[in-house]
Amino acid sequence: MSANAQRRLANALIILGVLAWVPYFYFLSIGEMPSILPYLAGHLTGVLTGAWLRTRGSTPGEVTFGQRRKLAARILIILGVLAWVPYFYLSRVGGIEVEIGPFLGAHLTGVLGGSLLRISVEVQRYLGRPDAGESET
């Protein structure tokens, strides 16, 4: 599989992983209380597999293109995912009932911000415009 095909497959898996939440929120909106586990499993499977494929599919020429933005995006995404650590610690280990809103907000801010930053690198690569301070080779 070529690097471009692998990148497209990785992006499709990530999108499908995010879209796994659509039916869950639909069921919540009509008043049902579905189990979160199948939707979380679909989300994590799509997103983690897509991220692994995207990392595995990078070619040596891509290493320096948008490198600083890719690093910043990766850090934002990791911090967004780590927003769940205190929530699960407080709720599962501490036995404290905590509001999910602030943790979800921090998660989405980091993950969406990092994803948009990462997408900006891909759009710039597609349009063929190198950054002023970053080489395209």
C-alpha atoms as a PDB file:
ATOM      1  CA  MET A   1       0.000   0.000   0.000  1.00  0.00           C
ATOM      2  CA  SER A   2       1.410   3.411  -0.934  1.00  0.00           C
ATOM      3  CA  ALA A   3       1.999   6.087   1.695  1.00  0.00           C
ATOM      4  CA  ASN A   4      -0.823   8.247   0.308  1.00  0.00           C
ATOM      5  CA  ALA A   5      -3.280   5.341   0.311  1.00  0.00           C
ATOM      6  CA  GLN A   6      -2.257   4.453   3.847  1.00  0.00           C
ATOM      7  CA  ARG A   7      -2.705   8.089   4.934  1.00  0.00           C
ATOM      8  CA  ARG A   8      -6.188   8.178   3.365  1.00  0.00           C
ATOM      9  CA  LEU A   9      -7.143   4.933   5.115  1.00  0.00           C
ATOM     10  CA  ALA A  10      -5.798   6.279   8.416  1.00  0.00           C
ATOM     11  CA  ASN A  11      -7.814   9.484   8.063  1.00  0.00           C
ATOM     12  CA  ALA A  12     -10.954   7.492   7.182  1.00  0.00           C
ATOM     13  CA  LEU A  13     -10.506   5.306  10.290  1.00  0.00           C
ATOM     14  CA  ILE A  14     -10.058   8.357  12.499  1.00  0.00           C
ATOM     15  CA  ILE A  15     -13.193   9.966  11.062  1.00  0.00           C
ATOM     16  CA  LEU A  16     -15.171   6.737  11.543  1.00  0.00           C
ATOM     17  CA  GLY A  17     -13.880   6.496  15.100  1.00  0.00           C
ATOM     18  CA  VAL A  18     -15.148   9.992  15.853  1.00  0.00           C
ATOM     19  CA  LEU A  19     -18.458   9.311  14.076  1.00  0.00           C
ATOM     20  CA  ALA A  20     -19.001   6.306  16.363  1.00  0.00           C
ATOM     21  CA  TRP A  21     -20.456   8.781  18.860  1.00  0.00           C
ATOM     22  CA  VAL A  22     -23.261   9.944  16.526  1.00  0.00           C
ATOM     23  CA  PRO A  23     -25.687   7.079  17.308  1.00  0.00           C
ATOM     24  CA  TYR A  24     -24.854   7.305  21.008  1.00  0.00           C
ATOM     25  CA  PHE A  25     -25.786  10.985  21.158  1.00  0.00           C
ATOM     26  CA  TYR A  26     -28.862  10.310  19.023  1.00  0.00           C
ATOM     27  CA  PHE A  27     -30.086   7.731  21.510  1.00  0.00           C
ATOM     28  CA  LEU A  28     -29.413  10.143  24.359  1.00  0.00           C
ATOM     29  CA  SER A  29     -31.379  12.863  22.555  1.00  0.00           C
ATOM     30  CA  ILE A  30     -34.477  10.671  22.267  1.00  0.00           C
ATOM     31  CA  GLY A  31     -34.354   9.800  25.952  1.00  0.00           C
ATOM     32  CA  GLU A  32     -32.741   6.363  25.913  1.00  0.00           C
ATOM     33  CA  MET A  33     -29.748   5.479  28.062  1.00  0.00           C
ATOM     34  CA  PRO A  34     -27.507   3.213  25.957  1.00  0.00           C
ATOM     35  CA  SER A  35     -24.370   1.634  27.348  1.00  0.00           C
ATOM     36  CA  ILE A  36     -21.324   3.744  26.568  1.00  0.00           C
ATOM     37  CA  LEU A  37     -18.995   0.752  26.157  1.00  0.00           C
ATOM     38  CA  PRO A  38     -19.716  -0.258  22.527  1.00  0.00           C
ATOM     39  CA  TYR A  39     -19.469   3.344  21.358  1.00  0.00           C
ATOM     40  CA  LEU A  40     -16.286   3.943  23.312  1.00  0.00           C
ATOM     41  CA  ALA A  41     -14.822   0.727  21.879  1.00  0.00           C
ATOM     42  CA  GLY A  42     -15.707   1.825  18.324  1.00  0.00           C
ATOM     43  CA  HIS A  43     -14.280   5.285  18.968  1.00  0.00           C
ATOM     44  CA  LEU A  44     -11.000   4.032  20.392  1.00  0.00           C
ATOM     45  CA  THR A  45     -10.605   1.327  17.739  1.00  0.00           C
ATOM     46  CA  GLY A  46     -11.032   3.763  14.860  1.00  0.00           C
ATOM     47  CA  VAL A  47      -9.006   6.610  16.324  1.00  0.00           C
ATOM     48  CA  LEU A  48      -6.104   4.555  17.667  1.00  0.00           C
ATOM     49  CA  THR A  49      -5.844   2.344  14.581  1.00  0.00           C
ATOM     50  CA  GLY A  50      -5.975   5.393  12.313  1.00  0.00           C
ATOM     51  CA  ALA A  51      -3.329   7.198  14.352  1.00  0.00           C
ATOM     52  CA  TRP A  52      -1.085   4.126  14.259  1.00  0.00           C
ATOM     53  CA  LEU A  53      -1.518   3.789  10.488  1.00  0.00           C
ATOM     54  CA  ARG A  54      -0.834   7.491   9.957  1.00  0.00           C
ATOM     55  CA  THR A  55       2.381   7.281  11.956  1.00  0.00           C
ATOM     56  CA  ARG A  56       3.441   4.045  10.261  1.00  0.00           C
ATOM     57  CA  GLY A  57       2.656   5.432   6.804  1.00  0.00           C
ATOM     58  CA  SER A  58       4.903   8.464   7.002  1.00  0.00           C
ATOM     59  CA  THR A  59       7.717   8.579   4.509  1.00  0.00           C
ATOM     60  CA  PRO A  60      11.216   9.898   5.207  1.00  0.00           C
ATOM     61  CA  GLY A  61      10.546  13.040   3.151  1.00  0.00           C
ATOM     62  CA  GLU A  62       7.646  13.988   5.406  1.00  0.00           C
ATOM     63  CA  VAL A  63       9.680  14.127   8.580  1.00  0.00           C
ATOM     64  CA  THR A  64      10.603  17.805   8.308  1.00  0.00           C
ATOM     65  CA  PHE A  65       7.494  19.136   6.543  1.00  0.00           C
ATOM     66  CA  GLY A  66       5.409  20.872   9.196  1.00  0.00           C
ATOM     67  CA  GLN A  67       7.477  19.250  11.930  1.00  0.00           C
ATOM     68  CA  ARG A  68       6.862  21.929  14.578  1.00  0.00           C
ATOM     69  CA  ARG A  69       3.111  21.985  13.946  1.00  0.00           C
ATOM     70  CA  LYS A  70       2.987  18.187  13.991  1.00  0.00           C
ATOM     71  CA  LEU A  71       4.796  18.173  17.342  1.00  0.00           C
ATOM     72  CA  ALA A  72       2.486  20.856  18.770  1.00  0.00           C
ATOM     73  CA  ALA A  73      -0.538  18.926  17.450  1.00  0.00           C
ATOM     74  CA  ARG A  74       0.692  15.691  19.008  1.00  0.00           C
ATOM     75  CA  ILE A  75       1.246  17.409  22.367  1.00  0.00           C
ATOM     76  CA  LEU A  76      -2.239  18.961  22.282  1.00  0.00           C
ATOM     77  CA  ILE A  77      -3.843  15.617  21.441  1.00  0.00           C
ATOM     78  CA  ILE A  78      -1.936  13.815  24.194  1.00  0.00           C
ATOM     79  CA  LEU A  79      -2.907  16.480  26.736  1.00  0.00           C
ATOM     80  CA  GLY A  80      -6.522  16.244  25.560  1.00  0.00           C
ATOM     81  CA  VAL A  81      -6.531  12.488  26.087  1.00  0.00           C
ATOM     82  CA  LEU A  82      -4.797  12.841  29.455  1.00  0.00           C
ATOM     83  CA  ALA A  83      -7.638  15.103  30.606  1.00  0.00           C
ATOM     84  CA  TRP A  84      -9.497  11.895  31.457  1.00  0.00           C
ATOM     85  CA  VAL A  85      -6.878  10.704  33.976  1.00  0.00           C
ATOM     86  CA  PRO A  86      -8.027  12.907  36.881  1.00  0.00           C
ATOM     87  CA  TYR A  87     -11.666  12.188  36.048  1.00  0.00           C
ATOM     88  CA  PHE A  88     -11.194   8.426  36.218  1.00  0.00           C
ATOM     89  CA  TYR A  89      -8.990   8.707  39.288  1.00  0.00           C
ATOM     90  CA  LEU A  90     -11.535  10.806  41.166  1.00  0.00           C
ATOM     91  CA  SER A  91     -14.553   8.790  40.073  1.00  0.00           C
ATOM     92  CA  ARG A  92     -13.154   5.241  40.135  1.00  0.00           C
ATOM     93  CA  VAL A  93     -10.366   5.296  42.715  1.00  0.00           C
ATOM     94  CA  GLY A  94     -11.596   8.094  44.944  1.00  0.00           C
ATOM     95  CA  GLY A  95     -15.249   7.135  44.677  1.00  0.00           C
ATOM     96  CA  ILE A  96     -16.202  10.793  44.267  1.00  0.00           C
ATOM     97  CA  GLU A  97     -19.071  11.700  41.984  1.00  0.00           C
ATOM     98  CA  VAL A  98     -17.646  14.379  39.675  1.00  0.00           C
ATOM     99  CA  GLU A  99     -19.172  16.374  36.848  1.00  0.00           C
ATOM    100  CA  ILE A 100     -17.978  15.155  33.442  1.00  0.00           C
ATOM    101  CA  GLY A 101     -18.335  18.525  31.677  1.00  0.00           C
ATOM    102  CA  PRO A 102     -14.967  20.117  32.538  1.00  0.00           C
ATOM    103  CA  PHE A 103     -13.069  16.961  31.621  1.00  0.00           C
ATOM    104  CA  LEU A 104     -14.953  16.553  28.355  1.00  0.00           C
ATOM    105  CA  GLY A 105     -14.284  20.210  27.567  1.00  0.00           C
ATOM    106  CA  ALA A 106     -10.559  19.813  28.203  1.00  0.00           C
ATOM    107  CA  HIS A 107     -10.509  16.595  26.145  1.00  0.00           C
ATOM    108  CA  LEU A 108     -12.282  18.139  23.174  1.00  0.00           C
ATOM    109  CA  THR A 109     -10.226  21.343  23.317  1.00  0.00           C
ATOM    110  CA  GLY A 110      -6.947  19.442  23.184  1.00  0.00           C
ATOM    111  CA  VAL A 111      -8.006  16.804  20.684  1.00  0.00           C
ATOM    112  CA  LEU A 112      -9.870  19.116  18.314  1.00  0.00           C
ATOM    113  CA  GLY A 113      -7.217  21.837  18.526  1.00  0.00           C
ATOM    114  CA  GLY A 114      -4.458  19.314  17.867  1.00  0.00           C
ATOM    115  CA  SER A 115      -6.426  17.696  15.053  1.00  0.00           C
ATOM    116  CA  LEU A 116      -7.047  21.027  13.325  1.00  0.00           C
ATOM    117  CA  LEU A 117      -3.370  21.894  13.640  1.00  0.00           C
ATOM    118  CA  ARG A 118      -2.448  18.516  12.141  1.00  0.00           C
ATOM    119  CA  ILE A 119      -4.986  18.976   9.339  1.00  0.00           C
ATOM    120  CA  SER A 120      -3.409  22.341   8.526  1.00  0.00           C
ATOM    121  CA  VAL A 121      -0.144  20.520   7.779  1.00  0.00           C
ATOM    122  CA  GLU A 122      -1.938  18.091   5.449  1.00  0.00           C
ATOM    123  CA  VAL A 123      -3.799  20.901   3.668  1.00  0.00           C
ATOM    124  CA  GLN A 124      -0.579  22.837   3.215  1.00  0.00           C
ATOM    125  CA  ARG A 125       1.142  19.724   1.842  1.00  0.00           C
ATOM    126  CA  TYR A 126      -1.776  19.153  -0.541  1.00  0.00           C
ATOM    127  CA  LEU A 127      -1.686  22.754  -1.761  1.00  0.00           C
ATOM    128  CA  GLY A 128       2.109  22.602  -2.086  1.00  0.00           C
ATOM    129  CA  ARG A 129       2.887  25.687  -0.017  1.00  0.00           C
ATOM    130  CA  PRO A 130       5.869  25.288   2.321  1.00  0.00           C
ATOM    131  CA  ASP A 131       6.049  27.213   5.614  1.00  0.00           C
ATOM    132  CA  ALA A 132       8.433  30.135   5.792  1.00  0.00           C
ATOM    133  CA  GLY A 133      10.618  28.446   8.394  1.00  0.00           C
ATOM    134  CA  GLU A 134      10.028  24.793   7.545  1.00  0.00           C
ATOM    135  CA  SER A 135      11.512  22.864   4.654  1.00  0.00           C
ATOM    136  CA  GLU A 136       9.369  20.743   2.364  1.00  0.00           C
ATOM    137  CA  THR A 137      11.864  17.958   1.734  1.00  0.00           C
END
